[in-house]
Amino acid sequence: MKIYTKTGDTGQTSLIGGRRVSKAHHRIDAYGTVDELNSWIGLVRDQPVNESRKELLKEIQDRLFTIGAELATDPEKTVKKPLPAILEADVQLLEKAMDEMDACLPDLRAFVLPGGHQAVSFCHLARTVCRRAERLTIALSEQEPVDPLVIQYLNRLSDYLFVLGRKMTLELGAEEISWKPRV
């Protein structure tokens, strides 16, 4: 199987279901950003501080492929082969992981500036890409059907990545820098 098909050379691509759309279509932008997020999660997963979280982060990457498939599917077509779906249990898994990490963290009393350690910065980059994926998916949902659990999962995932960044900061002995607004 060749990687290149030459079918996209004119700026068009196919959705699952066969419909051809512009590569600048809002649906392509949404799942392309989810793909970008998946790459950032891979980088976060590869950080030594996350050795104990590798399996969960790999599961998150799997869910992002599921979301990508959902977003890449033409809502007007019936797909021959069933696709995986995001479940309420996927959202609950993120909430449970956040609760466990949060129990070990100091209370949050201010906004936190991203950074403090390169691994933490990677996590904050993943969080901001997740927020963009969420915004694009919400915009898509205002024009075409999108499973509401996809939006909920992306929202919870960005929260998870924020808490993970704080947990990584603590484990790495890095400084968590509070934002002190100049007034």
Protein backbone atom coordinates (compact mmCIF):
# COMPACT_ATOMS: atom_id res chain seq x y z
CA MET A 1 0.00 0.00 0.00
CA LYS A 2 1.45 3.35 -1.00
CA ILE A 3 1.23 6.30 1.35
CA TYR A 4 0.65 8.75 -1.46
CA THR A 5 -2.50 8.48 -3.56
CA LYS A 6 -2.29 11.76 -5.48
CA THR A 7 -6.04 12.23 -4.91
CA GLY A 8 -5.41 15.22 -2.67
CA ASP A 9 -3.19 17.11 -5.07
CA THR A 10 -6.02 19.49 -5.99
CA GLY A 11 -6.80 20.43 -2.37
CA GLN A 12 -9.63 17.95 -1.88
CA THR A 13 -9.89 14.93 0.43
CA SER A 14 -12.49 12.26 1.13
CA LEU A 15 -14.53 11.90 4.27
CA ILE A 16 -15.41 8.44 5.55
CA GLY A 17 -18.46 7.76 3.42
CA GLY A 18 -16.82 9.00 0.22
CA ARG A 19 -17.83 12.66 -0.08
CA ARG A 20 -14.97 14.87 -1.33
CA VAL A 21 -14.44 18.16 0.50
CA SER A 22 -11.83 20.91 0.55
CA LYS A 23 -8.86 20.28 2.80
CA ALA A 24 -9.77 23.65 4.35
CA HIS A 25 -13.27 22.35 5.31
CA HIS A 26 -14.17 22.91 8.98
CA ARG A 27 -14.48 19.14 9.48
CA ILE A 28 -10.93 18.57 8.21
CA ASP A 29 -9.63 21.39 10.42
CA ALA A 30 -11.27 19.79 13.47
CA TYR A 31 -9.91 16.29 12.97
CA GLY A 32 -6.55 17.61 11.80
CA THR A 33 -6.22 19.46 15.09
CA VAL A 34 -7.17 16.30 16.97
CA ASP A 35 -4.37 14.56 15.06
CA GLU A 36 -1.96 17.33 16.08
CA LEU A 37 -3.11 16.91 19.69
CA ASN A 38 -2.44 13.17 19.45
CA SER A 39 1.16 13.91 18.47
CA TRP A 40 1.60 16.24 21.44
CA ILE A 41 0.14 13.58 23.76
CA GLY A 42 2.73 11.16 22.34
CA LEU A 43 5.47 13.62 23.27
CA VAL A 44 4.01 14.01 26.77
CA ARG A 45 3.78 10.22 27.09
CA ASP A 46 7.46 9.87 26.14
CA GLN A 47 8.64 12.06 29.04
CA PRO A 48 10.38 9.96 31.73
CA VAL A 49 8.27 11.62 34.45
CA ASN A 50 5.19 9.99 32.88
CA GLU A 51 6.47 6.41 32.99
CA SER A 52 3.66 5.42 35.39
CA ARG A 53 1.07 7.10 33.16
CA LYS A 54 2.19 5.66 29.80
CA GLU A 55 -0.75 3.26 29.52
CA LEU A 56 -3.34 5.91 30.32
CA LEU A 57 -1.75 8.34 27.88
CA LYS A 58 -1.71 5.62 25.21
CA GLU A 59 -5.41 4.99 25.90
CA ILE A 60 -6.06 8.72 25.50
CA GLN A 61 -4.28 8.58 22.14
CA ASP A 62 -6.54 5.69 21.15
CA ARG A 63 -9.62 7.76 22.08
CA LEU A 64 -8.26 10.62 19.97
CA PHE A 65 -8.11 8.27 16.97
CA THR A 66 -11.74 7.39 17.75
CA ILE A 67 -12.62 11.10 17.80
CA GLY A 68 -10.71 11.60 14.56
CA ALA A 69 -12.74 8.84 12.92
CA GLU A 70 -15.98 10.37 14.21
CA LEU A 71 -15.04 13.80 12.88
CA ALA A 72 -13.82 12.38 9.55
CA THR A 73 -17.16 10.67 8.89
CA ASP A 74 -19.66 12.28 6.55
CA PRO A 75 -22.81 12.74 8.68
CA GLU A 76 -24.96 12.46 5.54
CA LYS A 77 -23.75 8.98 4.60
CA THR A 78 -24.30 5.57 6.11
CA VAL A 79 -20.95 3.94 6.78
CA LYS A 80 -20.67 0.24 5.91
CA LYS A 81 -18.36 -0.67 8.76
CA PRO A 82 -19.18 0.33 12.36
CA LEU A 83 -16.79 2.87 13.86
CA PRO A 84 -15.62 3.04 17.48
CA ALA A 85 -17.33 5.60 19.69
CA ILE A 86 -16.48 7.70 22.72
CA LEU A 87 -18.27 6.45 25.82
CA GLU A 88 -19.26 8.10 29.09
CA ALA A 89 -16.75 5.72 30.73
CA ASP A 90 -13.95 7.43 28.75
CA VAL A 91 -14.88 10.79 30.29
CA GLN A 92 -15.14 9.19 33.74
CA LEU A 93 -11.66 7.69 33.37
CA LEU A 94 -10.21 11.18 32.89
CA GLU A 95 -12.18 12.50 35.87
CA LYS A 96 -10.92 9.66 38.08
CA ALA A 97 -7.32 10.26 37.02
CA MET A 98 -7.70 13.99 37.73
CA ASP A 99 -9.18 13.33 41.17
CA GLU A 100 -6.27 11.02 42.04
CA MET A 101 -3.65 13.56 40.93
CA ASP A 102 -5.49 16.49 42.50
CA ALA A 103 -5.49 14.79 45.91
CA CYS A 104 -1.67 15.13 45.98
CA LEU A 105 -1.49 18.72 44.73
CA PRO A 106 -1.50 21.96 46.70
CA ASP A 107 -4.66 24.03 46.40
CA LEU A 108 -4.77 26.20 43.31
CA ARG A 109 -5.09 29.85 44.32
CA ALA A 110 -4.07 31.62 41.11
CA PHE A 111 -3.60 31.08 37.40
CA VAL A 112 -0.41 29.17 36.62
CA LEU A 113 2.10 30.30 34.01
CA PRO A 114 3.01 27.45 31.65
CA GLY A 115 6.57 26.25 32.05
CA GLY A 116 8.98 25.42 34.82
CA HIS A 117 10.37 22.35 33.06
CA GLN A 118 10.50 21.29 29.42
CA ALA A 119 8.29 18.22 30.07
CA VAL A 120 5.67 20.43 31.76
CA SER A 121 5.80 22.86 28.84
CA PHE A 122 5.05 19.99 26.44
CA CYS A 123 2.00 19.18 28.55
CA HIS A 124 0.79 22.79 28.43
CA LEU A 125 1.24 22.82 24.64
CA ALA A 126 -0.90 19.67 24.45
CA ARG A 127 -3.52 21.36 26.66
CA THR A 128 -3.74 24.43 24.43
CA VAL A 129 -3.99 22.33 21.26
CA CYS A 130 -6.75 20.36 23.00
CA ARG A 131 -8.62 23.59 23.70
CA ARG A 132 -8.29 24.54 20.02
CA ALA A 133 -9.57 21.10 18.97
CA GLU A 134 -12.51 21.60 21.31
CA ARG A 135 -13.31 25.04 19.86
CA LEU A 136 -13.12 23.75 16.28
CA THR A 137 -15.31 20.77 17.15
CA ILE A 138 -17.88 23.03 18.79
CA ALA A 139 -17.88 25.26 15.69
CA LEU A 140 -18.38 22.14 13.54
CA SER A 141 -21.25 21.00 15.78
CA GLU A 142 -23.01 24.31 15.14
CA GLN A 143 -23.14 23.41 11.43
CA GLU A 144 -23.26 19.60 11.32
CA PRO A 145 -24.03 16.80 13.79
CA VAL A 146 -21.24 15.87 16.23
CA ASP A 147 -21.57 13.40 19.09
CA PRO A 148 -21.84 15.56 22.25
CA LEU A 149 -19.57 13.10 24.09
CA VAL A 150 -16.76 14.06 21.71
CA ILE A 151 -17.00 17.68 22.88
CA GLN A 152 -17.30 16.61 26.50
CA TYR A 153 -14.25 14.34 26.18
CA LEU A 154 -12.12 17.10 24.64
CA ASN A 155 -13.21 19.49 27.38
CA ARG A 156 -12.33 17.01 30.11
CA LEU A 157 -9.06 16.09 28.39
CA SER A 158 -7.88 19.71 28.47
CA ASP A 159 -8.68 19.77 32.20
CA TYR A 160 -6.78 16.51 32.63
CA LEU A 161 -3.76 17.95 30.83
CA PHE A 162 -3.79 21.00 33.11
CA VAL A 163 -3.85 18.82 36.24
CA LEU A 164 -1.22 16.53 34.71
CA GLY A 165 1.03 19.54 34.12
CA ARG A 166 0.70 20.49 37.79
CA LYS A 167 1.39 16.90 38.88
CA MET A 168 4.44 16.69 36.63
CA THR A 169 5.69 20.00 38.09
CA LEU A 170 5.43 18.55 41.58
CA GLU A 171 7.10 15.25 40.65
CA LEU A 172 9.93 17.00 38.83
CA GLY A 173 10.54 19.40 41.72
CA ALA A 174 10.00 22.28 39.31
CA GLU A 175 8.64 25.65 40.32
CA GLU A 176 4.95 26.30 39.74
CA ILE A 177 4.79 29.98 38.92
CA SER A 178 1.57 31.77 39.78
CA TRP A 179 0.45 34.60 37.55
CA LYS A 180 0.65 37.87 39.41
CA PRO A 181 -1.17 40.45 37.29
CA ARG A 182 0.36 43.88 37.09
CA VAL A 183 -2.21 46.37 38.27
